[in-house]
Amino acid sequence: MPPKRNRVQGGNARSRASAVPQGDRRRRARPESEDVTDQPAATRRRVEEARQPEWTMRSTVEGILLEGSTLKSNMGLNEFLRSYLGGTAAVDEDHNVTMQAFVRRPNAYVQDQQLLEGIINLTEYQELKIELDNRKILLEAINKLRHEGVVSLEQWRDYEGKDTVTPFPKAKINAVLTQVQREAKREAEERLRREEEKMQRRLQEMKFTISTTIEEVLFKGEFRYKEMKLNDFLLLRFGGKGVVDTNENVLLEEFFKEPARYIHDAGVLGEIRTTGAYLRIEGAVRDEMDKDEDVCRLKQAGVSNLQKWSEAAEQVKESVHEITKSFLDAAFEEASNPTATVLPIKMEGYYESVYNARWHHVVEVPDDNGIGMKVEEGKPKQSWTYKEVGETLEKDNGMQQSGAVRSKLMVLTSDKAWPYTWKGDEFIRDCYVNCEVERVWQIVLDDLTEWFGTHVEEHFTPERHLVIGTPGIGKSMNAGSYLLYQLLQCDVEKLPVVLYVIGNEHSFLKRPPKR
């Protein structure tokens, strides 16, 4: 039975239809299903960015393809009419179907041609129709891939029938795959770079003595490829070919013992094993494994350092590989005749990274639920102010401008991290500056201002200051890094060199002259 002829309520159809501009137009109202807030556009953008999914190889194909779908097609016809054609446009309840049903058979639910024409010409309707057409294509692709056992992004990566998938969904999945692989490669390169830099520093700092251990002599603090993760190796050398999530924590030492256990695809494994990159790394790993065997063998014989090696029986020395014996003999000779000096390490790009650190700041944003927080780029327009109290400074809350946005935190980002972490295993790019950290700098700045001034007293030198507080609150990382940054911003002719000391590490920052 054909559906009943609909009755349009409120006013006349002609006046409403003619009031609807043709083609592109601005929305008259938001649909009831959309979230309406009074947040600034920048805040909404950041909220949306925060909601962006973090894709991994475990992400589902369905989740990737349907991500971002607004499901406006579930909106009722009356809700759509009220939202885009004014509050009085409506159809009978028995015609108030979902927009998904309406798009399939618009004439079945709205017979008034002027009203129908007004609906169909709406930009929002055209967008909805395109969305439904695209969703149909995506659902067909999801069902096809599920039928062929392709559910996750990892399975899609290894799927050989990609060309049988419709271009639109294929491009969407491939874009996410590229994003995931690029990020994984970047993280792997970062881990490798940090590890190599750490090992390089250890190598240059190393000075053999008779108490130096056998392990330290043989490996010299160098990067050990056998401790590299298999997936990192495959990402860096083969663009991710052969990567499997279950191998995430597998080390190359285990992989080279039994490669087929970790890469099941014989074709992929065979292709990888014939490359020069594979053969070089395999050779390096096997050399490291031989050295490990020698270290264990010597420990069992009671030989743990160069002193013990020099006293070991010839039979013990002959039990290790010839190259190991040569290394240990040469190291003992060096330890017996120390002449080496420790050379400074020039760390390319680190000065520029700290000097050009980027600013962000966190401010309070009042809303209907109270006070929220928002991150903004650059320095705040108004920072904290301080007043003299005795011999020190304290924050002056009374100087806060009425109605001014209140800064809660400032963040300085150095791409190559901060000197506090250059020696260790951490890699911290962000230095967090609160009102107390800024207060430390203001106290130091008072001394510098007097020191650099034209009427400085004779023999004046800046005082030595001690930052006190609970361990772990950021005295070294935050206050120390922020002081370094600010000192590098001072007049280079008055402050040409800055020495940063943390533990037994010294970073000597010689500033380039003015141009």
Protein backbone atom coordinates (compact mmCIF):
# COMPACT_ATOMS: atom_id res chain seq x y z
CA MET A 1 0.00 0.00 0.00
CA PRO A 2 1.44 3.39 -0.94
CA PRO A 3 2.06 5.71 1.99
CA LYS A 4 -0.56 8.31 2.84
CA ARG A 5 -0.19 11.75 1.38
CA ASN A 6 1.58 13.84 3.99
CA ARG A 7 0.13 16.96 5.54
CA VAL A 8 2.50 19.88 6.10
CA GLN A 9 1.68 21.70 9.32
CA GLY A 10 2.06 25.41 9.99
CA GLY A 11 1.78 28.10 7.30
CA ASN A 12 1.73 27.11 3.65
CA ALA A 13 4.19 25.03 1.73
CA ARG A 14 4.71 27.64 -0.98
CA SER A 15 5.92 30.34 1.38
CA ARG A 16 8.25 27.98 3.16
CA ALA A 17 9.70 26.46 0.02
CA SER A 18 10.27 29.81 -1.65
CA ALA A 19 12.03 31.07 1.46
CA VAL A 20 14.71 28.41 1.08
CA PRO A 21 17.65 29.72 -1.02
CA GLN A 22 18.88 27.39 -3.75
CA GLY A 23 22.39 25.94 -3.80
CA ASP A 24 24.95 26.74 -1.09
CA ARG A 25 23.70 28.50 2.00
CA ARG A 26 24.41 28.91 5.66
CA ARG A 27 22.66 26.77 8.20
CA ARG A 28 19.68 28.37 9.84
CA ALA A 29 19.91 26.19 12.91
CA ARG A 30 21.84 23.26 14.28
CA PRO A 31 20.21 19.83 14.35
CA GLU A 32 19.11 18.77 17.79
CA SER A 33 21.47 15.83 17.68
CA GLU A 34 24.55 18.07 17.39
CA ASP A 35 26.48 19.30 20.39
CA VAL A 36 26.08 23.05 20.86
CA THR A 37 28.63 24.86 22.99
CA ASP A 38 29.82 28.39 23.47
CA GLN A 39 33.47 27.36 23.31
CA PRO A 40 35.77 29.42 21.08
CA ALA A 41 36.63 27.86 17.71
CA ALA A 42 40.25 27.25 18.74
CA THR A 43 39.10 25.36 21.82
CA ARG A 44 36.70 23.23 19.80
CA ARG A 45 39.48 22.43 17.33
CA ARG A 46 41.72 21.26 20.14
CA VAL A 47 38.92 19.17 21.62
CA GLU A 48 38.36 17.56 18.23
CA GLU A 49 42.09 16.94 17.83
CA ALA A 50 42.16 15.32 21.26
CA ARG A 51 39.35 13.01 20.14
CA GLN A 52 41.30 11.85 17.08
CA PRO A 53 41.86 8.11 17.42
CA GLU A 54 45.38 6.79 17.88
CA TRP A 55 45.55 4.08 15.26
CA THR A 56 47.70 0.98 15.72
CA MET A 57 48.18 -2.23 13.79
CA ARG A 58 45.51 -3.73 16.08
CA SER A 59 42.90 -1.19 14.96
CA THR A 60 39.97 -2.73 13.10
CA VAL A 61 39.24 -2.08 9.45
CA GLU A 62 35.64 -1.31 10.41
CA GLY A 63 36.71 1.28 12.97
CA ILE A 64 39.01 2.96 10.44
CA LEU A 65 36.45 3.08 7.64
CA LEU A 66 33.55 4.28 9.78
CA GLU A 67 35.62 6.75 11.84
CA GLY A 68 34.22 10.24 11.56
CA SER A 69 30.79 9.08 10.44
CA THR A 70 28.25 11.50 11.92
CA LEU A 71 25.27 9.15 11.59
CA LYS A 72 23.06 12.11 10.64
CA SER A 73 21.12 9.54 8.64
CA ASN A 74 19.55 8.41 11.95
CA MET A 75 18.00 11.87 12.39
CA GLY A 76 14.23 11.98 11.99
CA LEU A 77 12.70 13.80 9.01
CA ASN A 78 10.88 16.29 11.26
CA GLU A 79 14.07 17.08 13.16
CA PHE A 80 15.83 17.70 9.85
CA LEU A 81 13.01 19.97 8.64
CA ARG A 82 12.93 21.97 11.87
CA SER A 83 16.71 22.34 11.82
CA TYR A 84 17.10 23.52 8.25
CA LEU A 85 13.70 24.80 7.08
CA GLY A 86 12.44 26.56 10.18
CA GLY A 87 10.56 25.57 13.29
CA THR A 88 7.12 25.17 11.67
CA ALA A 89 7.96 22.70 8.90
CA ALA A 90 6.83 19.17 9.77
CA VAL A 91 5.14 16.05 8.40
CA ASP A 92 2.67 13.65 10.01
CA GLU A 93 4.18 11.25 12.51
CA ASP A 94 3.58 8.25 10.24
CA HIS A 95 5.85 9.97 7.70
CA ASN A 96 8.48 10.99 10.26
CA VAL A 97 10.99 8.35 9.12
CA THR A 98 14.76 8.46 9.51
CA MET A 99 16.67 10.50 6.97
CA GLN A 100 18.26 7.28 5.76
CA ALA A 101 14.82 5.99 4.73
CA PHE A 102 13.80 9.37 3.34
CA VAL A 103 16.86 9.66 1.08
CA ARG A 104 15.99 6.29 -0.50
CA ARG A 105 12.39 7.34 -1.38
CA PRO A 106 11.92 11.09 -0.86
CA ASN A 107 8.72 11.25 -2.97
CA ALA A 108 7.07 8.62 -0.78
CA TYR A 109 7.18 10.85 2.31
CA VAL A 110 6.89 14.41 0.95
CA GLN A 111 4.50 14.92 -1.97
CA ASP A 112 4.51 18.72 -1.80
CA GLN A 113 6.88 19.43 -4.68
CA GLN A 114 7.95 22.88 -3.53
CA LEU A 115 8.82 21.59 -0.08
CA LEU A 116 10.52 18.55 -1.58
CA GLU A 117 12.53 20.75 -3.93
CA GLY A 118 13.56 22.94 -1.01
CA ILE A 119 14.75 19.89 0.94
CA ILE A 120 16.66 18.34 -1.95
CA ASN A 121 18.43 21.62 -2.76
CA LEU A 122 19.72 22.00 0.78
CA THR A 123 23.51 21.67 1.05
CA GLU A 124 22.96 19.61 4.20
CA TYR A 125 20.73 17.19 2.29
CA GLN A 126 23.27 16.82 -0.51
CA GLU A 127 26.01 16.17 2.06
CA LEU A 128 23.81 13.60 3.78
CA LYS A 129 23.12 11.83 0.50
CA ILE A 130 26.85 11.67 -0.30
CA GLU A 131 27.52 10.40 3.21
CA LEU A 132 24.98 7.60 2.80
CA ASP A 133 26.38 6.65 -0.61
CA ASN A 134 29.89 6.55 0.82
CA ARG A 135 28.75 4.61 3.88
CA LYS A 136 27.19 2.00 1.63
CA ILE A 137 30.50 1.60 -0.21
CA LEU A 138 32.39 1.36 3.08
CA LEU A 139 30.03 -1.26 4.54
CA GLU A 140 30.35 -3.36 1.39
CA ALA A 141 34.14 -3.20 1.72
CA ILE A 142 33.98 -4.11 5.43
CA ASN A 143 31.82 -7.16 4.70
CA LYS A 144 34.04 -8.26 1.81
CA LEU A 145 37.23 -7.98 3.88
CA ARG A 146 35.66 -9.69 6.90
CA HIS A 147 34.63 -12.57 4.64
CA GLU A 148 38.26 -12.87 3.51
CA GLY A 149 39.62 -12.78 7.06
CA VAL A 150 40.85 -9.18 7.02
CA VAL A 151 39.65 -7.60 10.26
CA SER A 152 42.65 -5.62 11.58
CA LEU A 153 45.04 -3.12 10.03
CA GLU A 154 47.84 -5.66 10.47
CA GLN A 155 45.90 -8.19 8.38
CA TRP A 156 45.23 -5.50 5.76
CA ARG A 157 48.97 -4.77 5.54
CA ASP A 158 49.66 -8.39 4.60
CA TYR A 159 46.53 -8.78 2.45
CA GLU A 160 47.41 -9.53 -1.18
CA GLY A 161 43.98 -8.70 -2.58
CA LYS A 162 44.09 -4.94 -1.96
CA ASP A 163 43.46 -4.21 -5.65
CA THR A 164 40.10 -5.99 -5.46
CA VAL A 165 38.80 -3.42 -2.96
CA THR A 166 36.93 -0.31 -4.13
CA PRO A 167 39.30 2.71 -4.43
CA PHE A 168 37.55 4.87 -1.80
CA PRO A 169 37.81 2.46 1.17
CA LYS A 170 41.20 1.20 -0.02
CA ALA A 171 42.60 4.74 0.00
CA LYS A 172 41.16 5.39 3.46
CA ILE A 173 42.73 2.26 4.98
CA ASN A 174 46.04 2.83 3.20
CA ALA A 175 46.22 6.39 4.54
CA VAL A 176 45.92 5.10 8.11
CA LEU A 177 48.42 2.30 7.41
CA THR A 178 50.94 4.85 6.11
CA GLN A 179 50.34 7.04 9.17
CA VAL A 180 50.88 4.13 11.58
CA GLN A 181 54.00 2.90 9.78
CA ARG A 182 55.46 6.40 9.58
CA GLU A 183 54.92 6.99 13.29
CA ALA A 184 56.30 3.57 14.20
CA LYS A 185 59.38 4.21 12.06
CA ARG A 186 59.87 7.64 13.62
CA GLU A 187 59.69 6.17 17.12
CA ALA A 188 62.09 3.37 16.17
CA GLU A 189 64.57 5.85 14.68
CA GLU A 190 64.30 7.99 17.81
CA ARG A 191 64.98 5.01 20.08
CA LEU A 192 67.94 3.94 17.95
CA ARG A 193 69.37 7.47 17.80
CA ARG A 194 69.12 7.93 21.55
CA GLU A 195 70.69 4.55 22.20
CA GLU A 196 73.55 5.20 19.79
CA GLU A 197 74.20 8.65 21.30
CA LYS A 198 74.22 7.20 24.79
CA MET A 199 76.63 4.45 23.76
CA GLN A 200 78.83 6.96 21.91
CA ARG A 201 79.13 9.09 25.03
CA ARG A 202 80.04 6.05 27.10
CA LEU A 203 82.64 5.02 24.53
CA GLN A 204 84.33 8.44 24.51
CA GLU A 205 84.25 8.62 28.29
CA MET A 206 85.65 5.12 28.75
CA LYS A 207 89.15 4.82 30.11
CA PHE A 208 90.51 1.33 30.70
CA THR A 209 91.97 0.46 34.11
CA ILE A 210 92.99 -2.89 35.49
CA SER A 211 89.59 -3.05 37.25
CA THR A 212 87.60 -2.54 34.02
CA THR A 213 85.30 -5.54 33.53
CA ILE A 214 85.66 -7.98 30.64
CA GLU A 215 82.20 -7.04 29.39
CA GLU A 216 83.07 -3.32 29.32
CA VAL A 217 86.22 -4.03 27.33
CA LEU A 218 84.54 -6.22 24.73
CA PHE A 219 81.48 -4.06 24.16
CA LYS A 220 83.04 -0.64 24.97
CA GLY A 221 79.62 0.78 25.74
CA GLU A 222 78.64 0.34 22.10
CA PHE A 223 75.10 -0.19 20.86
CA ARG A 224 74.23 -3.89 20.91
CA TYR A 225 72.27 -4.97 17.89
CA LYS A 226 71.24 -8.19 19.60
CA GLU A 227 69.18 -6.06 22.01
CA MET A 228 67.41 -4.25 19.17
CA LYS A 229 63.74 -5.12 18.77
CA LEU A 230 62.83 -7.20 15.72
CA ASN A 231 59.98 -4.92 14.69
CA ASP A 232 62.24 -1.86 14.89
CA PHE A 233 64.77 -3.61 12.65
CA LEU A 234 62.10 -4.53 10.10
CA LEU A 235 60.67 -1.00 10.15
CA LEU A 236 64.01 0.75 9.73
CA ARG A 237 65.56 -1.58 7.17
CA PHE A 238 62.59 -3.04 5.29
CA GLY A 239 59.79 -0.49 5.65
CA GLY A 240 57.80 -2.71 8.02
CA LYS A 241 57.76 -5.83 5.85
CA GLY A 242 57.37 -8.85 8.13
CA VAL A 243 56.30 -6.81 11.17
CA VAL A 244 53.84 -8.65 13.43
CA ASP A 245 52.39 -7.18 16.62
CA THR A 246 53.04 -10.38 18.58
CA ASN A 247 56.77 -9.84 17.95
CA GLU A 248 56.71 -6.42 19.60
CA ASN A 249 59.17 -7.42 22.35
CA VAL A 250 61.22 -9.99 20.42
CA LEU A 251 64.94 -9.11 20.31
CA LEU A 252 67.21 -9.79 17.34
CA GLU A 253 69.22 -12.22 19.46
CA GLU A 254 66.19 -14.52 19.68
CA PHE A 255 65.11 -13.89 16.09
CA PHE A 256 68.42 -14.93 14.50
CA LYS A 257 68.39 -18.20 16.44
CA GLU A 258 65.13 -19.23 14.75
CA PRO A 259 63.91 -16.71 12.12
CA ALA A 260 61.02 -18.84 10.80
CA ARG A 261 59.47 -18.90 14.27
CA TYR A 262 58.83 -15.16 14.11
CA ILE A 263 58.24 -14.53 10.39
CA HIS A 264 55.88 -17.25 9.19
CA ASP A 265 55.60 -16.07 5.59
CA ALA A 266 58.38 -18.03 3.87
CA GLY A 267 58.34 -15.71 0.85
CA VAL A 268 58.80 -12.57 2.95
CA LEU A 269 61.49 -14.21 5.09
CA GLY A 270 63.35 -15.47 2.03
CA GLU A 271 63.29 -12.03 0.43
CA ILE A 272 64.61 -10.36 3.59
CA ARG A 273 67.37 -12.91 4.24
CA THR A 274 69.04 -12.30 0.88
CA THR A 275 69.58 -8.58 1.47
CA GLY A 276 72.85 -6.99 2.52
CA ALA A 277 71.16 -5.23 5.46
CA TYR A 278 70.00 -8.56 6.88
CA LEU A 279 73.38 -10.25 6.43
CA ARG A 280 75.30 -7.35 8.02
CA ILE A 281 73.05 -7.20 11.09
CA GLU A 282 73.04 -10.98 11.42
CA GLY A 283 76.85 -10.97 11.40
CA ALA A 284 76.97 -8.21 14.03
CA VAL A 285 74.47 -10.03 16.27
CA ARG A 286 76.35 -13.33 16.02
CA ASP A 287 79.62 -11.55 16.91
CA GLU A 288 77.93 -10.09 19.98
CA MET A 289 76.59 -13.51 20.93
CA ASP A 290 80.13 -14.94 20.64
CA LYS A 291 81.41 -12.19 22.95
CA ASP A 292 78.64 -12.96 25.45
CA GLU A 293 79.68 -16.61 25.44
CA ASP A 294 83.29 -15.59 26.12
CA VAL A 295 82.22 -13.30 28.99
CA CYS A 296 80.27 -16.16 30.60
CA ARG A 297 83.12 -18.62 30.05
CA LEU A 298 85.65 -16.28 31.67
CA LYS A 299 83.34 -15.51 34.61
CA GLN A 300 83.05 -19.23 35.28
CA ALA A 301 86.85 -19.35 35.36
CA GLY A 302 86.94 -16.46 37.84
CA VAL A 303 88.10 -13.87 35.29
CA SER A 304 85.91 -10.78 35.71
CA ASN A 305 88.27 -7.86 34.91
CA LEU A 306 91.55 -6.99 33.19
CA GLN A 307 93.60 -7.67 36.32
CA LYS A 308 92.19 -11.21 36.49
CA TRP A 309 92.74 -11.62 32.74
CA SER A 310 96.43 -10.81 33.08
CA GLU A 311 96.74 -13.47 35.80
CA ALA A 312 94.68 -16.15 34.02
CA ALA A 313 96.21 -19.43 32.91
CA GLU A 314 97.01 -19.82 29.23
CA GLN A 315 94.43 -22.60 29.01
CA VAL A 316 91.73 -20.16 30.11
CA LYS A 317 92.85 -17.56 27.57
CA GLU A 318 92.82 -20.12 24.77
CA SER A 319 89.20 -21.05 25.58
CA VAL A 320 87.83 -17.80 24.11
CA HIS A 321 87.61 -16.63 20.50
CA GLU A 322 90.83 -15.24 19.04
CA ILE A 323 89.35 -11.76 18.51
CA THR A 324 88.26 -11.67 22.17
CA LYS A 325 91.78 -12.60 23.28
CA SER A 326 93.26 -9.81 21.13
CA PHE A 327 90.86 -7.21 22.54
CA LEU A 328 91.62 -8.14 26.14
CA ASP A 329 95.40 -8.21 25.63
CA ALA A 330 95.32 -4.76 24.00
CA ALA A 331 93.05 -3.35 26.72
CA PHE A 332 95.33 -4.61 29.49
CA GLU A 333 98.31 -3.02 27.75
CA GLU A 334 96.43 0.31 27.60
CA ALA A 335 95.38 0.05 31.25
CA SER A 336 98.98 -0.63 32.28
CA ASN A 337 100.23 2.44 30.38
CA PRO A 338 97.49 5.08 30.67
CA THR A 339 98.06 7.97 28.26
CA ALA A 340 94.60 8.61 26.87
CA THR A 341 92.72 11.81 27.63
CA VAL A 342 88.98 12.29 27.65
CA LEU A 343 87.88 14.37 24.66
CA PRO A 344 84.85 16.65 24.72
CA ILE A 345 81.82 15.59 22.70
CA LYS A 346 80.38 18.14 20.30
CA MET A 347 76.63 17.70 20.29
CA GLU A 348 75.35 19.07 17.00
CA GLY A 349 72.10 21.01 17.07
CA TYR A 350 71.58 20.88 20.83
CA TYR A 351 72.41 24.53 21.50
CA GLU A 352 69.97 25.66 18.79
CA SER A 353 67.29 23.33 20.15
CA VAL A 354 67.43 24.89 23.62
CA TYR A 355 67.89 28.47 22.37
CA ASN A 356 64.91 28.20 19.99
CA ALA A 357 62.62 26.29 22.35
CA ARG A 358 58.94 26.82 21.52
CA TRP A 359 56.42 28.39 23.90
CA HIS A 360 52.94 27.22 24.87
CA HIS A 361 50.88 28.19 27.88
CA VAL A 362 47.87 26.90 29.79
CA VAL A 363 45.11 29.32 30.77
CA GLU A 364 41.91 29.10 32.77
CA VAL A 365 38.72 29.14 30.69
CA PRO A 366 35.43 29.66 32.55
CA ASP A 367 32.44 27.73 31.21
CA ASP A 368 29.02 26.53 32.36
CA ASN A 369 30.63 23.75 34.41
CA GLY A 370 33.08 26.00 36.23
CA ILE A 371 36.70 26.52 35.21
CA GLY A 372 38.39 24.59 32.41
CA MET A 373 41.89 24.64 30.97
CA LYS A 374 43.08 25.46 27.46
CA VAL A 375 46.50 25.18 25.81
CA GLU A 376 47.52 28.09 23.59
CA GLU A 377 50.61 28.64 21.45
CA GLY A 378 53.21 31.27 22.28
CA LYS A 379 53.92 33.24 25.42
CA PRO A 380 50.99 34.46 27.53
CA LYS A 381 50.06 38.13 27.14
CA GLN A 382 50.25 38.49 30.90
CA SER A 383 52.49 36.33 33.08
CA TRP A 384 52.87 36.40 36.85
CA THR A 385 54.03 39.48 38.74
CA TYR A 386 56.11 39.56 41.92
CA LYS A 387 56.76 41.93 44.81
CA GLU A 388 59.73 42.31 47.12
CA VAL A 389 59.28 40.78 50.55
CA GLY A 390 62.41 41.22 52.62
CA GLU A 391 65.37 39.82 50.68
CA THR A 392 63.32 37.78 48.25
CA LEU A 393 60.36 37.94 45.86
CA GLU A 394 56.83 36.63 46.25
CA LYS A 395 53.98 36.36 43.78
CA ASP A 396 51.80 39.49 43.71
CA ASN A 397 48.21 38.37 43.11
CA GLY A 398 46.99 41.95 43.46
CA MET A 399 48.61 42.94 40.16
CA GLN A 400 46.36 40.61 38.13
CA GLN A 401 44.46 42.74 35.60
CA SER A 402 40.71 42.62 35.99
CA GLY A 403 39.17 40.27 33.45
CA ALA A 404 42.57 39.10 32.14
CA VAL A 405 42.97 35.45 31.21
CA ARG A 406 44.88 33.78 34.02
CA SER A 407 47.96 31.76 33.09
CA LYS A 408 48.42 28.58 35.11
CA LEU A 409 51.45 27.07 33.42
CA MET A 410 53.99 27.81 30.68
CA VAL A 411 55.66 25.08 28.61
CA LEU A 412 58.96 25.30 26.71
CA THR A 413 59.57 22.57 24.14
CA SER A 414 63.08 21.68 22.93
CA ASP A 415 63.09 19.16 20.06
CA LYS A 416 66.37 17.60 21.23
CA ALA A 417 65.27 17.66 24.87
CA TRP A 418 67.08 19.44 27.71
CA PRO A 419 70.60 18.92 29.14
CA TYR A 420 69.07 17.37 32.25
CA THR A 421 68.18 14.28 30.17
CA TRP A 422 71.04 14.21 27.63
CA LYS A 423 73.06 11.79 29.76
CA GLY A 424 70.29 9.47 30.94
CA ASP A 425 67.75 7.15 29.37
CA GLU A 426 64.93 9.71 29.52
CA PHE A 427 64.17 12.04 26.63
CA ILE A 428 62.11 14.93 27.97
CA ARG A 429 61.26 17.66 25.45
CA ASP A 430 58.93 19.74 27.62
CA CYS A 431 60.03 22.04 30.43
CA TYR A 432 57.12 23.06 32.67
CA VAL A 433 57.27 26.57 34.12
CA ASN A 434 54.92 27.48 36.95
CA CYS A 435 54.88 30.67 39.02
CA GLU A 436 57.56 29.31 41.40
CA VAL A 437 59.96 28.41 38.57
CA GLU A 438 59.43 31.89 37.08
CA ARG A 439 60.09 33.37 40.55
CA VAL A 440 63.49 31.63 40.62
CA TRP A 441 64.39 33.27 37.31
CA GLN A 442 63.20 36.70 38.49
CA ILE A 443 65.52 36.47 41.52
CA VAL A 444 68.48 35.55 39.29
CA LEU A 445 67.48 38.25 36.80
CA ASP A 446 67.71 40.92 39.52
CA ASP A 447 71.37 40.03 40.05
CA LEU A 448 72.08 39.95 36.31
CA THR A 449 70.39 43.32 35.78
CA GLU A 450 72.63 44.88 38.43
CA TRP A 451 75.71 43.07 37.12
CA PHE A 452 75.12 44.19 33.52
CA GLY A 453 74.05 47.71 34.51
CA THR A 454 76.02 50.89 33.83
CA HIS A 455 76.24 51.85 37.51
CA VAL A 456 77.32 48.49 38.89
CA GLU A 457 79.27 48.60 42.14
CA GLU A 458 82.94 47.74 41.97
CA HIS A 459 83.74 44.07 42.58
CA PHE A 460 80.03 43.15 42.34
CA THR A 461 79.35 39.54 41.38
CA PRO A 462 75.99 37.74 41.28
CA GLU A 463 75.16 35.82 44.41
CA ARG A 464 75.04 32.05 44.54
CA HIS A 465 71.46 30.81 44.91
CA LEU A 466 70.15 27.49 46.19
CA VAL A 467 66.75 26.17 45.12
CA ILE A 468 65.15 24.12 47.88
CA GLY A 469 62.06 21.92 47.80
CA THR A 470 60.74 18.39 47.90
CA PRO A 471 62.72 15.97 45.69
CA GLY A 472 60.99 15.38 42.36
CA ILE A 473 59.16 18.72 42.07
CA GLY A 474 61.32 19.89 39.16
CA LYS A 475 64.22 21.82 40.69
CA SER A 476 66.75 20.38 38.23
CA MET A 477 64.65 19.59 35.18
CA ASN A 478 62.25 22.53 35.18
CA ALA A 479 63.96 25.32 37.14
CA GLY A 480 67.41 24.35 35.84
CA SER A 481 66.30 24.07 32.22
CA TYR A 482 64.34 27.33 32.38
CA LEU A 483 67.31 29.20 33.86
CA LEU A 484 69.49 27.86 31.06
CA TYR A 485 66.99 28.97 28.42
CA GLN A 486 66.72 32.47 29.88
CA LEU A 487 70.51 32.85 30.24
CA LEU A 488 70.91 32.00 26.56
CA GLN A 489 68.52 34.86 25.73
CA CYS A 490 70.75 37.42 27.51
CA ASP A 491 73.07 39.80 25.65
CA VAL A 492 75.76 37.57 24.13
CA GLU A 493 78.43 40.25 24.56
CA LYS A 494 77.78 40.34 28.30
CA LEU A 495 77.22 36.60 28.73
CA PRO A 496 79.17 34.78 25.96
CA VAL A 497 79.36 31.40 27.71
CA VAL A 498 77.00 29.36 29.90
CA LEU A 499 78.14 26.29 31.82
CA TYR A 500 75.38 23.84 32.75
CA VAL A 501 76.33 21.17 35.32
CA ILE A 502 74.16 18.22 36.29
CA GLY A 503 75.75 15.46 38.37
CA ASN A 504 79.21 14.85 36.92
CA GLU A 505 78.13 16.03 33.45
CA HIS A 506 79.22 19.44 32.17
CA SER A 507 77.57 21.09 29.17
CA PHE A 508 79.64 24.02 27.89
CA LEU A 509 77.43 26.29 25.76
CA LYS A 510 79.51 28.83 23.85
CA ARG A 511 77.20 31.37 22.29
CA PRO A 512 77.69 32.56 18.70
CA PRO A 513 78.54 36.28 18.33
CA LYS A 514 75.97 38.82 17.18
CA ARG A 515 75.58 39.22 13.43
